Amino acid sequence: MKKIGIIFVILVLVGLFSLSFCAGANMLKDAHNNRQAIGGERMKLISYQEIKDRAVMVVKDTKNGHEYLITDSGIFPIIPDESK
């Protein structure tokens, strides 16, 4: 009976690990698809991070110089500070 409990706990832990890995891979895929949606090869990757279960990219459009923050949930233009 004790062996069954140990095996069950191990299976649950392996399942949780694989679920979290799949979620991270899906976030990266969504962020990459968003990058392709706004210009694909024109976009130069400036930085990439995973912050609190979110894939976050900053890209720069090589054609017009605009920068964008891209996450798995959307595309957000970075507005430069003109006061400097």
PDB file of N, CA and C in Angstrom:
ATOM      1  N   MET A   1       0.827  -1.197   0.000  1.00  0.00           N
ATOM      2  CA  MET A   1       0.000   0.000   0.000  1.00  0.00           C
ATOM      3  C   MET A   1       0.870   1.260   0.000  1.00  0.00           C
ATOM      4  N   LYS A   2       1.976   1.199   0.741  1.00  0.00           N
ATOM      5  CA  LYS A   2       2.864   2.350   0.809  1.00  0.00           C
ATOM      6  C   LYS A   2       3.524   2.611  -0.551  1.00  0.00           C
ATOM      7  N   LYS A   3       3.854   1.521  -1.280  1.00  0.00           N
ATOM      8  CA  LYS A   3       4.465   1.668  -2.602  1.00  0.00           C
ATOM      9  C   LYS A   3       3.505   2.353  -3.574  1.00  0.00           C
ATOM     10  N   ILE A   4       2.232   2.008  -3.487  1.00  0.00           N
ATOM     11  CA  ILE A   4       1.231   2.611  -4.370  1.00  0.00           C
ATOM     12  C   ILE A   4       1.135   4.115  -4.101  1.00  0.00           C
ATOM     13  N   GLY A   5       1.176   4.494  -2.836  1.00  0.00           N
ATOM     14  CA  GLY A   5       1.129   5.918  -2.473  1.00  0.00           C
ATOM     15  C   GLY A   5       2.328   6.681  -3.009  1.00  0.00           C
ATOM     16  N   ILE A   6       3.508   6.088  -2.903  1.00  0.00           N
ATOM     17  CA  ILE A   6       4.723   6.739  -3.396  1.00  0.00           C
ATOM     18  C   ILE A   6       4.675   6.879  -4.914  1.00  0.00           C
ATOM     19  N   ILE A   7       4.243   5.832  -5.595  1.00  0.00           N
ATOM     20  CA  ILE A   7       4.135   5.876  -7.056  1.00  0.00           C
ATOM     21  C   ILE A   7       3.116   6.935  -7.479  1.00  0.00           C
ATOM     22  N   PHE A   8       2.004   7.024  -6.761  1.00  0.00           N
ATOM     23  CA  PHE A   8       0.980   8.020  -7.071  1.00  0.00           C
ATOM     24  C   PHE A   8       1.535   9.437  -6.922  1.00  0.00           C
ATOM     25  N   VAL A   9       2.264   9.689  -5.851  1.00  0.00           N
ATOM     26  CA  VAL A   9       2.842  11.021  -5.620  1.00  0.00           C
ATOM     27  C   VAL A   9       3.835  11.366  -6.732  1.00  0.00           C
ATOM     28  N   ILE A  10       4.655  10.409  -7.128  1.00  0.00           N
ATOM     29  CA  ILE A  10       5.626  10.646  -8.200  1.00  0.00           C
ATOM     30  C   ILE A  10       4.908  10.961  -9.509  1.00  0.00           C
ATOM     31  N   LEU A  11       3.855  10.215  -9.818  1.00  0.00           N
ATOM     32  CA  LEU A  11       3.101  10.471 -11.046  1.00  0.00           C
ATOM     33  C   LEU A  11       2.448  11.851 -11.040  1.00  0.00           C
ATOM     34  N   VAL A  12       1.926  12.260  -9.899  1.00  0.00           N
ATOM     35  CA  VAL A  12       1.312  13.586  -9.789  1.00  0.00           C
ATOM     36  C   VAL A  12       2.365  14.675 -10.004  1.00  0.00           C
ATOM     37  N   LEU A  13       3.537  14.523  -9.405  1.00  0.00           N
ATOM     38  CA  LEU A  13       4.594  15.520  -9.571  1.00  0.00           C
ATOM     39  C   LEU A  13       5.079  15.597 -11.022  1.00  0.00           C
ATOM     40  N   VAL A  14       5.233  14.460 -11.663  1.00  0.00           N
ATOM     41  CA  VAL A  14       5.641  14.443 -13.073  1.00  0.00           C
ATOM     42  C   VAL A  14       4.567  15.105 -13.937  1.00  0.00           C
ATOM     43  N   GLY A  15       3.309  14.842 -13.647  1.00  0.00           N
ATOM     44  CA  GLY A  15       2.212  15.464 -14.387  1.00  0.00           C
ATOM     45  C   GLY A  15       2.188  16.972 -14.228  1.00  0.00           C
ATOM     46  N   LEU A  16       2.395  17.458 -13.010  1.00  0.00           N
ATOM     47  CA  LEU A  16       2.415  18.905 -12.775  1.00  0.00           C
ATOM     48  C   LEU A  16       3.584  19.563 -13.499  1.00  0.00           C
ATOM     49  N   PHE A  17       4.742  18.919 -13.469  1.00  0.00           N
ATOM     50  CA  PHE A  17       5.908  19.465 -14.164  1.00  0.00           C
ATOM     51  C   PHE A  17       5.660  19.553 -15.667  1.00  0.00           C
ATOM     52  N   SER A  18       5.091  18.502 -16.242  1.00  0.00           N
ATOM     53  CA  SER A  18       4.857  18.512 -17.689  1.00  0.00           C
ATOM     54  C   SER A  18       3.794  19.539 -18.072  1.00  0.00           C
ATOM     55  N   LEU A  19       2.795  19.748 -17.224  1.00  0.00           N
ATOM     56  CA  LEU A  19       1.786  20.771 -17.503  1.00  0.00           C
ATOM     57  C   LEU A  19       2.400  22.162 -17.503  1.00  0.00           C
ATOM     58  N   SER A  20       3.259  22.449 -16.533  1.00  0.00           N
ATOM     59  CA  SER A  20       3.878  23.773 -16.480  1.00  0.00           C
ATOM     60  C   SER A  20       4.810  23.980 -17.666  1.00  0.00           C
ATOM     61  N   PHE A  21       5.506  22.935 -18.095  1.00  0.00           N
ATOM     62  CA  PHE A  21       6.392  23.040 -19.257  1.00  0.00           C
ATOM     63  C   PHE A  21       5.584  23.317 -20.523  1.00  0.00           C
ATOM     64  N   CYS A  22       4.463  22.635 -20.692  1.00  0.00           N
ATOM     65  CA  CYS A  22       3.614  22.846 -21.871  1.00  0.00           C
ATOM     66  C   CYS A  22       3.027  24.251 -21.883  1.00  0.00           C
ATOM     67  N   ALA A  23       2.645  24.758 -20.715  1.00  0.00           N
ATOM     68  CA  ALA A  23       2.093  26.109 -20.639  1.00  0.00           C
ATOM     69  C   ALA A  23       3.138  27.135 -21.060  1.00  0.00           C
ATOM     70  N   GLY A  24       4.378  26.958 -20.621  1.00  0.00           N
ATOM     71  CA  GLY A  24       5.451  27.867 -21.011  1.00  0.00           C
ATOM     72  C   GLY A  24       5.720  27.818 -22.502  1.00  0.00           C
ATOM     73  N   ALA A  25       5.690  26.633 -23.073  1.00  0.00           N
ATOM     74  CA  ALA A  25       5.919  26.489 -24.512  1.00  0.00           C
ATOM     75  C   ALA A  25       4.796  27.154 -25.302  1.00  0.00           C
ATOM     76  N   ASN A  26       3.564  27.044 -24.829  1.00  0.00           N
ATOM     77  CA  ASN A  26       2.436  27.684 -25.515  1.00  0.00           C
ATOM     78  C   ASN A  26       2.537  29.204 -25.443  1.00  0.00           C
ATOM     79  N   MET A  27       2.986  29.742 -24.299  1.00  0.00           N
ATOM     80  CA  MET A  27       3.145  31.192 -24.184  1.00  0.00           C
ATOM     81  C   MET A  27       4.191  31.693 -25.166  1.00  0.00           C
ATOM     82  N   LEU A  28       5.305  30.963 -25.275  1.00  0.00           N
ATOM     83  CA  LEU A  28       6.351  31.356 -26.212  1.00  0.00           C
ATOM     84  C   LEU A  28       5.829  31.300 -27.645  1.00  0.00           C
ATOM     85  N   LYS A  29       5.053  30.274 -27.957  1.00  0.00           N
ATOM     86  CA  LYS A  29       4.482  30.133 -29.300  1.00  0.00           C
ATOM     87  C   LYS A  29       3.531  31.286 -29.602  1.00  0.00           C
ATOM     88  N   ASP A  30       2.682  31.658 -28.629  1.00  0.00           N
ATOM     89  CA  ASP A  30       1.753  32.772 -28.826  1.00  0.00           C
ATOM     90  C   ASP A  30       2.500  34.087 -29.039  1.00  0.00           C
ATOM     91  N   ALA A  31       3.542  34.313 -28.248  1.00  0.00           N
ATOM     92  CA  ALA A  31       4.320  35.542 -28.400  1.00  0.00           C
ATOM     93  C   ALA A  31       5.011  35.573 -29.759  1.00  0.00           C
ATOM     94  N   HIS A  32       5.536  34.446 -30.204  1.00  0.00           N
ATOM     95  CA  HIS A  32       6.190  34.387 -31.512  1.00  0.00           C
ATOM     96  C   HIS A  32       5.177  34.627 -32.631  1.00  0.00           C
ATOM     97  N   ASN A  33       3.972  34.076 -32.502  1.00  0.00           N
ATOM     98  CA  ASN A  33       2.928  34.311 -33.508  1.00  0.00           C
ATOM     99  C   ASN A  33       2.547  35.782 -33.562  1.00  0.00           C
ATOM    100  N   ASN A  34       2.503  36.446 -32.400  1.00  0.00           N
ATOM    101  CA  ASN A  34       2.212  37.879 -32.376  1.00  0.00           C
ATOM    102  C   ASN A  34       3.322  38.659 -33.076  1.00  0.00           C
ATOM    103  N   ARG A  35       4.561  38.226 -32.890  1.00  0.00           N
ATOM    104  CA  ARG A  35       5.689  38.880 -33.565  1.00  0.00           C
ATOM    105  C   ARG A  35       5.553  38.737 -35.081  1.00  0.00           C
ATOM    106  N   GLN A  36       5.176  37.561 -35.547  1.00  0.00           N
ATOM    107  CA  GLN A  36       4.992  37.343 -36.981  1.00  0.00           C
ATOM    108  C   GLN A  36       3.841  38.189 -37.520  1.00  0.00           C
ATOM    109  N   ALA A  37       2.825  38.419 -36.703  1.00  0.00           N
ATOM    110  CA  ALA A  37       1.646  39.161 -37.143  1.00  0.00           C
ATOM    111  C   ALA A  37       1.955  40.624 -37.437  1.00  0.00           C
ATOM    112  N   ILE A  38       2.954  41.191 -36.769  1.00  0.00           N
ATOM    113  CA  ILE A  38       3.219  42.620 -36.978  1.00  0.00           C
ATOM    114  C   ILE A  38       4.379  42.900 -37.912  1.00  0.00           C
ATOM    115  N   GLY A  39       5.009  41.887 -38.463  1.00  0.00           N
ATOM    116  CA  GLY A  39       6.060  42.200 -39.422  1.00  0.00           C
ATOM    117  C   GLY A  39       7.060  41.097 -39.676  1.00  0.00           C
ATOM    118  N   GLY A  40       7.039  40.059 -38.889  1.00  0.00           N
ATOM    119  CA  GLY A  40       7.890  38.902 -39.130  1.00  0.00           C
ATOM    120  C   GLY A  40       9.367  39.198 -39.167  1.00  0.00           C
ATOM    121  N   GLU A  41       9.974  39.047 -40.341  1.00  0.00           N
ATOM    122  CA  GLU A  41      11.424  39.163 -40.488  1.00  0.00           C
ATOM    123  C   GLU A  41      11.929  40.590 -40.303  1.00  0.00           C
ATOM    124  N   ARG A  42      11.065  41.577 -40.472  1.00  0.00           N
ATOM    125  CA  ARG A  42      11.479  42.968 -40.241  1.00  0.00           C
ATOM    126  C   ARG A  42      11.767  43.236 -38.779  1.00  0.00           C
ATOM    127  N   MET A  43      11.216  42.413 -37.907  1.00  0.00           N
ATOM    128  CA  MET A  43      11.332  42.646 -36.477  1.00  0.00           C
ATOM    129  C   MET A  43      12.639  42.077 -35.931  1.00  0.00           C
ATOM    130  N   LYS A  44      13.436  42.938 -35.331  1.00  0.00           N
ATOM    131  CA  LYS A  44      14.694  42.520 -34.714  1.00  0.00           C
ATOM    132  C   LYS A  44      14.444  42.337 -33.219  1.00  0.00           C
ATOM    133  N   LEU A  45      14.757  41.157 -32.709  1.00  0.00           N
ATOM    134  CA  LEU A  45      14.544  40.863 -31.292  1.00  0.00           C
ATOM    135  C   LEU A  45      15.562  41.627 -30.455  1.00  0.00           C
ATOM    136  N   ILE A  46      15.075  42.469 -29.545  1.00  0.00           N
ATOM    137  CA  ILE A  46      15.951  43.227 -28.657  1.00  0.00           C
ATOM    138  C   ILE A  46      16.145  42.477 -27.350  1.00  0.00           C
ATOM    139  N   SER A  47      15.050  41.980 -26.766  1.00  0.00           N
ATOM    140  CA  SER A  47      15.175  41.200 -25.528  1.00  0.00           C
ATOM    141  C   SER A  47      14.006  40.232 -25.393  1.00  0.00           C
ATOM    142  N   TYR A  48      14.252  39.180 -24.634  1.00  0.00           N
ATOM    143  CA  TYR A  48      13.230  38.172 -24.351  1.00  0.00           C
ATOM    144  C   TYR A  48      13.378  37.747 -22.902  1.00  0.00           C
ATOM    145  N   GLN A  49      12.267  37.669 -22.186  1.00  0.00           N
ATOM    146  CA  GLN A  49      12.273  37.193 -20.806  1.00  0.00           C
ATOM    147  C   GLN A  49      10.967  36.477 -20.522  1.00  0.00           C
ATOM    148  N   GLU A  50      11.019  35.607 -19.530  1.00  0.00           N
ATOM    149  CA  GLU A  50       9.794  35.033 -18.989  1.00  0.00           C
ATOM    150  C   GLU A  50       9.624  35.617 -17.601  1.00  0.00           C
ATOM    151  N   ILE A  51       8.549  36.381 -17.420  1.00  0.00           N
ATOM    152  CA  ILE A  51       8.293  37.072 -16.168  1.00  0.00           C
ATOM    153  C   ILE A  51       6.964  36.591 -15.613  1.00  0.00           C
ATOM    154  N   LYS A  52       6.998  35.975 -14.444  1.00  0.00           N
ATOM    155  CA  LYS A  52       5.782  35.500 -13.773  1.00  0.00           C
ATOM    156  C   LYS A  52       4.864  34.760 -14.736  1.00  0.00           C
ATOM    157  N   ASP A  53       5.353  33.702 -15.329  1.00  0.00           N
ATOM    158  CA  ASP A  53       4.591  32.851 -16.244  1.00  0.00           C
ATOM    159  C   ASP A  53       4.120  33.579 -17.498  1.00  0.00           C
ATOM    160  N   ARG A  54       4.828  34.613 -17.913  1.00  0.00           N
ATOM    161  CA  ARG A  54       4.505  35.335 -19.143  1.00  0.00           C
ATOM    162  C   ARG A  54       5.748  35.400 -20.022  1.00  0.00           C
ATOM    163  N   ALA A  55       5.580  35.129 -21.297  1.00  0.00           N
ATOM    164  CA  ALA A  55       6.661  35.315 -22.257  1.00  0.00           C
ATOM    165  C   ALA A  55       6.593  36.758 -22.748  1.00  0.00           C
ATOM    166  N   VAL A  56       7.699  37.484 -22.635  1.00  0.00           N
ATOM    167  CA  VAL A  56       7.731  38.900 -22.986  1.00  0.00           C
ATOM    168  C   VAL A  56       8.896  39.157 -23.938  1.00  0.00           C
ATOM    169  N   MET A  57       8.606  39.801 -25.067  1.00  0.00           N
ATOM    170  CA  MET A  57       9.641  40.169 -26.037  1.00  0.00           C
ATOM    171  C   MET A  57       9.569  41.662 -26.303  1.00  0.00           C
ATOM    172  N   VAL A  58      10.713  42.261 -26.536  1.00  0.00           N
ATOM    173  CA  VAL A  58      10.769  43.620 -27.063  1.00  0.00           C
ATOM    174  C   VAL A  58      11.433  43.504 -28.427  1.00  0.00           C
ATOM    175  N   VAL A  59      10.748  44.007 -29.457  1.00  0.00           N
ATOM    176  CA  VAL A  59      11.277  43.944 -30.818  1.00  0.00           C
ATOM    177  C   VAL A  59      11.318  45.346 -31.417  1.00  0.00           C
ATOM    178  N   LYS A  60      12.197  45.511 -32.402  1.00  0.00           N
ATOM    179  CA  LYS A  60      12.310  46.792 -33.095  1.00  0.00           C
ATOM    180  C   LYS A  60      12.081  46.557 -34.579  1.00  0.00           C
ATOM    181  N   ASP A  61      11.216  47.373 -35.157  1.00  0.00           N
ATOM    182  CA  ASP A  61      10.945  47.301 -36.589  1.00  0.00           C
ATOM    183  C   ASP A  61      12.116  47.950 -37.320  1.00  0.00           C
ATOM    184  N   THR A  62      12.822  47.179 -38.137  1.00  0.00           N
ATOM    185  CA  THR A  62      14.004  47.703 -38.826  1.00  0.00           C
ATOM    186  C   THR A  62      13.636  48.665 -39.949  1.00  0.00           C
ATOM    187  N   LYS A  63      12.382  48.662 -40.362  1.00  0.00           N
ATOM    188  CA  LYS A  63      11.959  49.544 -41.454  1.00  0.00           C
ATOM    189  C   LYS A  63      11.683  50.966 -40.965  1.00  0.00           C
ATOM    190  N   ASN A  64      10.956  51.095 -39.848  1.00  0.00           N
ATOM    191  CA  ASN A  64      10.590  52.433 -39.383  1.00  0.00           C
ATOM    192  C   ASN A  64      11.130  52.785 -37.995  1.00  0.00           C
ATOM    193  N   GLY A  65      11.804  51.862 -37.324  1.00  0.00           N
ATOM    194  CA  GLY A  65      12.430  52.153 -36.037  1.00  0.00           C
ATOM    195  C   GLY A  65      11.519  52.069 -34.827  1.00  0.00           C
ATOM    196  N   HIS A  66      10.252  51.731 -34.997  1.00  0.00           N
ATOM    197  CA  HIS A  66       9.340  51.627 -33.860  1.00  0.00           C
ATOM    198  C   HIS A  66       9.644  50.373 -33.041  1.00  0.00           C
ATOM    199  N   GLU A  67       9.421  50.470 -31.725  1.00  0.00           N
ATOM    200  CA  GLU A  67       9.610  49.318 -30.844  1.00  0.00           C
ATOM    201  C   GLU A  67       8.257  48.850 -30.317  1.00  0.00           C
ATOM    202  N   TYR A  68       8.169  47.536 -30.078  1.00  0.00           N
ATOM    203  CA  TYR A  68       6.930  46.933 -29.595  1.00  0.00           C
ATOM    204  C   TYR A  68       7.233  45.983 -28.450  1.00  0.00           C
ATOM    205  N   LEU A  69       6.339  45.958 -27.469  1.00  0.00           N
ATOM    206  CA  LEU A  69       6.358  44.972 -26.397  1.00  0.00           C
ATOM    207  C   LEU A  69       5.360  43.897 -26.802  1.00  0.00           C
ATOM    208  N   ILE A  70       5.840  42.664 -26.919  1.00  0.00           N
ATOM    209  CA  ILE A  70       4.983  41.568 -27.367  1.00  0.00           C
ATOM    210  C   ILE A  70       4.899  40.535 -26.262  1.00  0.00           C
ATOM    211  N   THR A  71       3.682  40.196 -25.870  1.00  0.00           N
ATOM    212  CA  THR A  71       3.456  39.145 -24.884  1.00  0.00           C
ATOM    213  C   THR A  71       2.571  38.088 -25.521  1.00  0.00           C
ATOM    214  N   ASP A  72       2.280  37.048 -24.758  1.00  0.00           N
ATOM    215  CA  ASP A  72       1.376  36.024 -25.262  1.00  0.00           C
ATOM    216  C   ASP A  72      -0.048  36.543 -25.354  1.00  0.00           C
ATOM    217  N   SER A  73      -0.331  37.685 -24.726  1.00  0.00           N
ATOM    218  CA  SER A  73      -1.697  38.205 -24.751  1.00  0.00           C
ATOM    219  C   SER A  73      -1.881  39.404 -25.676  1.00  0.00           C
ATOM    220  N   GLY A  74      -0.814  39.890 -26.306  1.00  0.00           N
ATOM    221  CA  GLY A  74      -1.018  40.998 -27.218  1.00  0.00           C
ATOM    222  C   GLY A  74       0.249  41.721 -27.623  1.00  0.00           C
ATOM    223  N   ILE A  75       0.050  42.738 -28.455  1.00  0.00           N
ATOM    224  CA  ILE A  75       1.128  43.563 -28.992  1.00  0.00           C
ATOM    225  C   ILE A  75       0.898  44.990 -28.509  1.00  0.00           C
ATOM    226  N   PHE A  76       1.935  45.596 -27.928  1.00  0.00           N
ATOM    227  CA  PHE A  76       1.803  46.930 -27.370  1.00  0.00           C
ATOM    228  C   PHE A  76       2.939  47.808 -27.880  1.00  0.00           C
ATOM    229  N   PRO A  77       2.626  48.923 -28.555  1.00  0.00           N
ATOM    230  CA  PRO A  77       3.694  49.803 -29.030  1.00  0.00           C
ATOM    231  C   PRO A  77       4.363  50.511 -27.853  1.00  0.00           C
ATOM    232  N   ILE A  78       5.666  50.682 -27.953  1.00  0.00           N
ATOM    233  CA  ILE A  78       6.411  51.423 -26.935  1.00  0.00           C
ATOM    234  C   ILE A  78       6.534  52.853 -27.447  1.00  0.00           C
ATOM    235  N   ILE A  79       5.960  53.777 -26.705  1.00  0.00           N
ATOM    236  CA  ILE A  79       5.970  55.177 -27.111  1.00  0.00           C
ATOM    237  C   ILE A  79       7.196  55.839 -26.488  1.00  0.00           C
ATOM    238  N   PRO A  80       8.093  56.395 -27.312  1.00  0.00           N
ATOM    239  CA  PRO A  80       9.314  57.000 -26.766  1.00  0.00           C
ATOM    240  C   PRO A  80       9.004  58.265 -25.972  1.00  0.00           C
ATOM    241  N   ASP A  81       9.841  58.532 -24.986  1.00  0.00           N
ATOM    242  CA  ASP A  81       9.695  59.723 -24.156  1.00  0.00           C
ATOM    243  C   ASP A  81      10.296  60.907 -24.909  1.00  0.00           C
ATOM    244  N   GLU A  82       9.459  61.831 -25.342  1.00  0.00           N
ATOM    245  CA  GLU A  82       9.905  62.978 -26.138  1.00  0.00           C
ATOM    246  C   GLU A  82      10.401  64.131 -25.275  1.00  0.00           C
ATOM    247  N   SER A  83      10.290  64.028 -23.948  1.00  0.00           N
ATOM    248  CA  SER A  83      10.661  65.139 -23.074  1.00  0.00           C
ATOM    249  C   SER A  83      12.170  65.267 -22.895  1.00  0.00           C
ATOM    250  N   LYS A  84      12.926  64.283 -23.319  1.00  0.00           N
ATOM    251  CA  LYS A  84      14.386  64.324 -23.128  1.00  0.00           C
ATOM    252  C   LYS A  84      15.056  65.192 -24.156  1.00  0.00           C
TER     253      LYS A  84
END
